[in-house]
Amino acid sequence: MFPRRFGRTKGGLNSKLHAVCDGQGRPMLILLSEGKMSDYKGATLMIDGLPGAK
């Protein structure tokens, strides 16, 4: 079973899609989170998956 990624907000149940894209706009990492989760927390969860800088 997969966990639900819905969070209760003022507007109802929401989810967020956080994405990291390359220089051509292609997604490299995608994270689905509940709507009330902070963008900072989403970035923290994805930072370890980023490739090294050139």
PDB file of N, CA and C in Angstrom:
ATOM      1  N   MET A   1       0.845  -1.188   0.000  1.00  0.00           N
ATOM      2  CA  MET A   1       0.000   0.000   0.000  1.00  0.00           C
ATOM      3  C   MET A   1       0.882   1.240   0.000  1.00  0.00           C
ATOM      4  N   PHE A   2       0.497   2.251  -0.762  1.00  0.00           N
ATOM      5  CA  PHE A   2       1.239   3.495  -0.850  1.00  0.00           C
ATOM      6  C   PHE A   2       0.647   4.534   0.106  1.00  0.00           C
ATOM      7  N   PRO A   3       1.498   5.348   0.740  1.00  0.00           N
ATOM      8  CA  PRO A   3       0.972   6.381   1.634  1.00  0.00           C
ATOM      9  C   PRO A   3       0.279   7.474   0.825  1.00  0.00           C
ATOM     10  N   ARG A   4      -0.710   8.081   1.419  1.00  0.00           N
ATOM     11  CA  ARG A   4      -1.411   9.192   0.777  1.00  0.00           C
ATOM     12  C   ARG A   4      -0.589  10.455   0.941  1.00  0.00           C
ATOM     13  N   ARG A   5      -0.621  11.296  -0.050  1.00  0.00           N
ATOM     14  CA  ARG A   5       0.119  12.553  -0.016  1.00  0.00           C
ATOM     15  C   ARG A   5      -0.835  13.733  -0.115  1.00  0.00           C
ATOM     16  N   PHE A   6      -1.900  13.695   0.704  1.00  0.00           N
ATOM     17  CA  PHE A   6      -2.842  14.796   0.769  1.00  0.00           C
ATOM     18  C   PHE A   6      -2.728  15.451   2.135  1.00  0.00           C
ATOM     19  N   GLY A   7      -2.760  16.764   2.157  1.00  0.00           N
ATOM     20  CA  GLY A   7      -2.726  17.500   3.409  1.00  0.00           C
ATOM     21  C   GLY A   7      -3.904  18.442   3.473  1.00  0.00           C
ATOM     22  N   ARG A   8      -4.457  18.614   4.634  1.00  0.00           N
ATOM     23  CA  ARG A   8      -5.607  19.491   4.800  1.00  0.00           C
ATOM     24  C   ARG A   8      -5.132  20.938   4.912  1.00  0.00           C
ATOM     25  N   THR A   9      -5.690  21.801   4.081  1.00  0.00           N
ATOM     26  CA  THR A   9      -5.401  23.230   4.113  1.00  0.00           C
ATOM     27  C   THR A   9      -6.731  23.986   4.141  1.00  0.00           C
ATOM     28  N   LYS A  10      -6.665  25.308   4.104  1.00  0.00           N
ATOM     29  CA  LYS A  10      -7.903  26.097   4.114  1.00  0.00           C
ATOM     30  C   LYS A  10      -8.780  25.785   2.907  1.00  0.00           C
ATOM     31  N   GLY A  11      -8.164  25.434   1.796  1.00  0.00           N
ATOM     32  CA  GLY A  11      -8.921  25.154   0.575  1.00  0.00           C
ATOM     33  C   GLY A  11      -9.403  23.716   0.451  1.00  0.00           C
ATOM     34  N   GLY A  12      -9.086  22.864   1.410  1.00  0.00           N
ATOM     35  CA  GLY A  12      -9.478  21.458   1.348  1.00  0.00           C
ATOM     36  C   GLY A  12      -8.255  20.564   1.356  1.00  0.00           C
ATOM     37  N   LEU A  13      -8.339  19.444   0.663  1.00  0.00           N
ATOM     38  CA  LEU A  13      -7.214  18.510   0.590  1.00  0.00           C
ATOM     39  C   LEU A  13      -6.340  18.881  -0.607  1.00  0.00           C
ATOM     40  N   ASN A  14      -5.046  19.021  -0.365  1.00  0.00           N
ATOM     41  CA  ASN A  14      -4.107  19.421  -1.418  1.00  0.00           C
ATOM     42  C   ASN A  14      -2.865  18.557  -1.402  1.00  0.00           C
ATOM     43  N   SER A  15      -2.137  18.589  -2.504  1.00  0.00           N
ATOM     44  CA  SER A  15      -0.810  17.995  -2.574  1.00  0.00           C
ATOM     45  C   SER A  15       0.073  18.955  -3.364  1.00  0.00           C
ATOM     46  N   LYS A  16       1.392  18.796  -3.222  1.00  0.00           N
ATOM     47  CA  LYS A  16       2.366  19.636  -3.933  1.00  0.00           C
ATOM     48  C   LYS A  16       3.302  18.742  -4.720  1.00  0.00           C
ATOM     49  N   LEU A  17       3.749  19.260  -5.836  1.00  0.00           N
ATOM     50  CA  LEU A  17       4.744  18.569  -6.639  1.00  0.00           C
ATOM     51  C   LEU A  17       5.994  19.439  -6.654  1.00  0.00           C
ATOM     52  N   HIS A  18       7.059  18.947  -6.035  1.00  0.00           N
ATOM     53  CA  HIS A  18       8.349  19.642  -6.007  1.00  0.00           C
ATOM     54  C   HIS A  18       9.199  19.017  -7.106  1.00  0.00           C
ATOM     55  N   ALA A  19       9.895  19.828  -7.889  1.00  0.00           N
ATOM     56  CA  ALA A  19      10.709  19.293  -8.981  1.00  0.00           C
ATOM     57  C   ALA A  19      12.027  20.047  -9.092  1.00  0.00           C
ATOM     58  N   VAL A  20      13.071  19.325  -9.463  1.00  0.00           N
ATOM     59  CA  VAL A  20      14.374  19.903  -9.800  1.00  0.00           C
ATOM     60  C   VAL A  20      14.596  19.574 -11.270  1.00  0.00           C
ATOM     61  N   CYS A  21      14.872  20.610 -12.071  1.00  0.00           N
ATOM     62  CA  CYS A  21      15.042  20.419 -13.519  1.00  0.00           C
ATOM     63  C   CYS A  21      16.463  20.757 -13.941  1.00  0.00           C
ATOM     64  N   ASP A  22      16.879  20.192 -15.061  1.00  0.00           N
ATOM     65  CA  ASP A  22      18.202  20.509 -15.608  1.00  0.00           C
ATOM     66  C   ASP A  22      18.127  21.821 -16.397  1.00  0.00           C
ATOM     67  N   GLY A  23      19.217  22.201 -17.031  1.00  0.00           N
ATOM     68  CA  GLY A  23      19.294  23.458 -17.760  1.00  0.00           C
ATOM     69  C   GLY A  23      18.371  23.549 -18.958  1.00  0.00           C
ATOM     70  N   GLN A  24      17.841  22.417 -19.408  1.00  0.00           N
ATOM     71  CA  GLN A  24      16.923  22.408 -20.549  1.00  0.00           C
ATOM     72  C   GLN A  24      15.474  22.229 -20.107  1.00  0.00           C
ATOM     73  N   GLY A  25      15.225  22.309 -18.799  1.00  0.00           N
ATOM     74  CA  GLY A  25      13.868  22.214 -18.277  1.00  0.00           C
ATOM     75  C   GLY A  25      13.336  20.808 -18.092  1.00  0.00           C
ATOM     76  N   ARG A  26      14.207  19.809 -18.236  1.00  0.00           N
ATOM     77  CA  ARG A  26      13.779  18.416 -18.050  1.00  0.00           C
ATOM     78  C   ARG A  26      13.854  18.058 -16.577  1.00  0.00           C
ATOM     79  N   PRO A  27      12.815  17.425 -16.043  1.00  0.00           N
ATOM     80  CA  PRO A  27      12.839  17.069 -14.616  1.00  0.00           C
ATOM     81  C   PRO A  27      13.902  16.012 -14.304  1.00  0.00           C
ATOM     82  N   MET A  28      14.655  16.257 -13.232  1.00  0.00           N
ATOM     83  CA  MET A  28      15.667  15.306 -12.762  1.00  0.00           C
ATOM     84  C   MET A  28      15.185  14.593 -11.500  1.00  0.00           C
ATOM     85  N   LEU A  29      14.534  15.330 -10.611  1.00  0.00           N
ATOM     86  CA  LEU A  29      13.986  14.793  -9.373  1.00  0.00           C
ATOM     87  C   LEU A  29      12.569  15.314  -9.200  1.00  0.00           C
ATOM     88  N   ILE A  30      11.666  14.457  -8.754  1.00  0.00           N
ATOM     89  CA  ILE A  30      10.288  14.867  -8.492  1.00  0.00           C
ATOM     90  C   ILE A  30       9.877  14.306  -7.143  1.00  0.00           C
ATOM     91  N   LEU A  31       9.229  15.141  -6.334  1.00  0.00           N
ATOM     92  CA  LEU A  31       8.751  14.734  -5.012  1.00  0.00           C
ATOM     93  C   LEU A  31       7.301  15.155  -4.869  1.00  0.00           C
ATOM     94  N   LEU A  32       6.425  14.228  -4.554  1.00  0.00           N
ATOM     95  CA  LEU A  32       5.023  14.516  -4.274  1.00  0.00           C
ATOM     96  C   LEU A  32       4.865  14.581  -2.766  1.00  0.00           C
ATOM     97  N   SER A  33       4.333  15.697  -2.261  1.00  0.00           N
ATOM     98  CA  SER A  33       4.175  15.862  -0.817  1.00  0.00           C
ATOM     99  C   SER A  33       2.777  16.354  -0.503  1.00  0.00           C
ATOM    100  N   GLU A  34       2.436  16.329   0.778  1.00  0.00           N
ATOM    101  CA  GLU A  34       1.141  16.868   1.194  1.00  0.00           C
ATOM    102  C   GLU A  34       1.178  18.390   1.075  1.00  0.00           C
ATOM    103  N   GLY A  35       0.028  18.995   0.825  1.00  0.00           N
ATOM    104  CA  GLY A  35      -0.049  20.410   0.522  1.00  0.00           C
ATOM    105  C   GLY A  35       0.443  21.341   1.609  1.00  0.00           C
ATOM    106  N   LYS A  36       0.386  20.921   2.865  1.00  0.00           N
ATOM    107  CA  LYS A  36       0.794  21.809   3.948  1.00  0.00           C
ATOM    108  C   LYS A  36       2.300  21.746   4.240  1.00  0.00           C
ATOM    109  N   MET A  37       3.028  20.868   3.538  1.00  0.00           N
ATOM    110  CA  MET A  37       4.463  20.754   3.784  1.00  0.00           C
ATOM    111  C   MET A  37       5.204  21.956   3.213  1.00  0.00           C
ATOM    112  N   SER A  38       6.159  22.460   3.952  1.00  0.00           N
ATOM    113  CA  SER A  38       6.950  23.618   3.547  1.00  0.00           C
ATOM    114  C   SER A  38       7.806  23.307   2.320  1.00  0.00           C
ATOM    115  N   ASP A  39       7.991  24.311   1.464  1.00  0.00           N
ATOM    116  CA  ASP A  39       8.882  24.147   0.309  1.00  0.00           C
ATOM    117  C   ASP A  39      10.312  23.915   0.763  1.00  0.00           C
ATOM    118  N   TYR A  40      10.683  24.503   1.893  1.00  0.00           N
ATOM    119  CA  TYR A  40      12.035  24.302   2.432  1.00  0.00           C
ATOM    120  C   TYR A  40      12.256  22.837   2.817  1.00  0.00           C
ATOM    121  N   LYS A  41      11.253  22.216   3.417  1.00  0.00           N
ATOM    122  CA  LYS A  41      11.371  20.809   3.789  1.00  0.00           C
ATOM    123  C   LYS A  41      11.447  19.925   2.538  1.00  0.00           C
ATOM    124  N   GLY A  42      10.684  20.268   1.516  1.00  0.00           N
ATOM    125  CA  GLY A  42      10.752  19.528   0.254  1.00  0.00           C
ATOM    126  C   GLY A  42      12.134  19.625  -0.372  1.00  0.00           C
ATOM    127  N   ALA A  43      12.726  20.822  -0.344  1.00  0.00           N
ATOM    128  CA  ALA A  43      14.077  21.005  -0.890  1.00  0.00           C
ATOM    129  C   ALA A  43      15.096  20.205  -0.092  1.00  0.00           C
ATOM    130  N   THR A  44      14.943  20.188   1.225  1.00  0.00           N
ATOM    131  CA  THR A  44      15.858  19.433   2.085  1.00  0.00           C
ATOM    132  C   THR A  44      15.807  17.942   1.767  1.00  0.00           C
ATOM    133  N   LEU A  45      14.624  17.429   1.489  1.00  0.00           N
ATOM    134  CA  LEU A  45      14.485  16.008   1.177  1.00  0.00           C
ATOM    135  C   LEU A  45      15.106  15.641  -0.168  1.00  0.00           C
ATOM    136  N   MET A  46      15.168  16.588  -1.088  1.00  0.00           N
ATOM    137  CA  MET A  46      15.670  16.284  -2.428  1.00  0.00           C
ATOM    138  C   MET A  46      17.145  16.626  -2.617  1.00  0.00           C
ATOM    139  N   ILE A  47      17.742  17.404  -1.755  1.00  0.00           N
ATOM    140  CA  ILE A  47      19.095  17.922  -1.985  1.00  0.00           C
ATOM    141  C   ILE A  47      20.146  16.809  -2.076  1.00  0.00           C
ATOM    142  N   ASP A  48      19.981  15.734  -1.334  1.00  0.00           N
ATOM    143  CA  ASP A  48      20.971  14.649  -1.382  1.00  0.00           C
ATOM    144  C   ASP A  48      20.943  13.901  -2.720  1.00  0.00           C
ATOM    145  N   GLY A  49      19.852  13.981  -3.448  1.00  0.00           N
ATOM    146  CA  GLY A  49      19.743  13.306  -4.732  1.00  0.00           C
ATOM    147  C   GLY A  49      20.262  14.106  -5.910  1.00  0.00           C
ATOM    148  N   LEU A  50      20.705  15.343  -5.679  1.00  0.00           N
ATOM    149  CA  LEU A  50      21.198  16.174  -6.771  1.00  0.00           C
ATOM    150  C   LEU A  50      22.567  15.682  -7.248  1.00  0.00           C
ATOM    151  N   PRO A  51      22.810  15.761  -8.551  1.00  0.00           N
ATOM    152  CA  PRO A  51      24.149  15.392  -9.058  1.00  0.00           C
ATOM    153  C   PRO A  51      25.170  16.471  -8.677  1.00  0.00           C
ATOM    154  N   GLY A  52      26.426  16.122  -8.698  1.00  0.00           N
ATOM    155  CA  GLY A  52      27.487  17.078  -8.373  1.00  0.00           C
ATOM    156  C   GLY A  52      27.588  18.188  -9.416  1.00  0.00           C
ATOM    157  N   ALA A  53      28.032  19.340  -8.983  1.00  0.00           N
ATOM    158  CA  ALA A  53      28.202  20.480  -9.888  1.00  0.00           C
ATOM    159  C   ALA A  53      29.413  20.262 -10.791  1.00  0.00           C
ATOM    160  N   LYS A  54      29.343  20.798 -11.989  1.00  0.00           N
ATOM    161  CA  LYS A  54      30.458  20.685 -12.928  1.00  0.00           C
ATOM    162  C   LYS A  54      31.230  21.976 -12.952  1.00  0.00           C
TER     163      LYS A  54
END
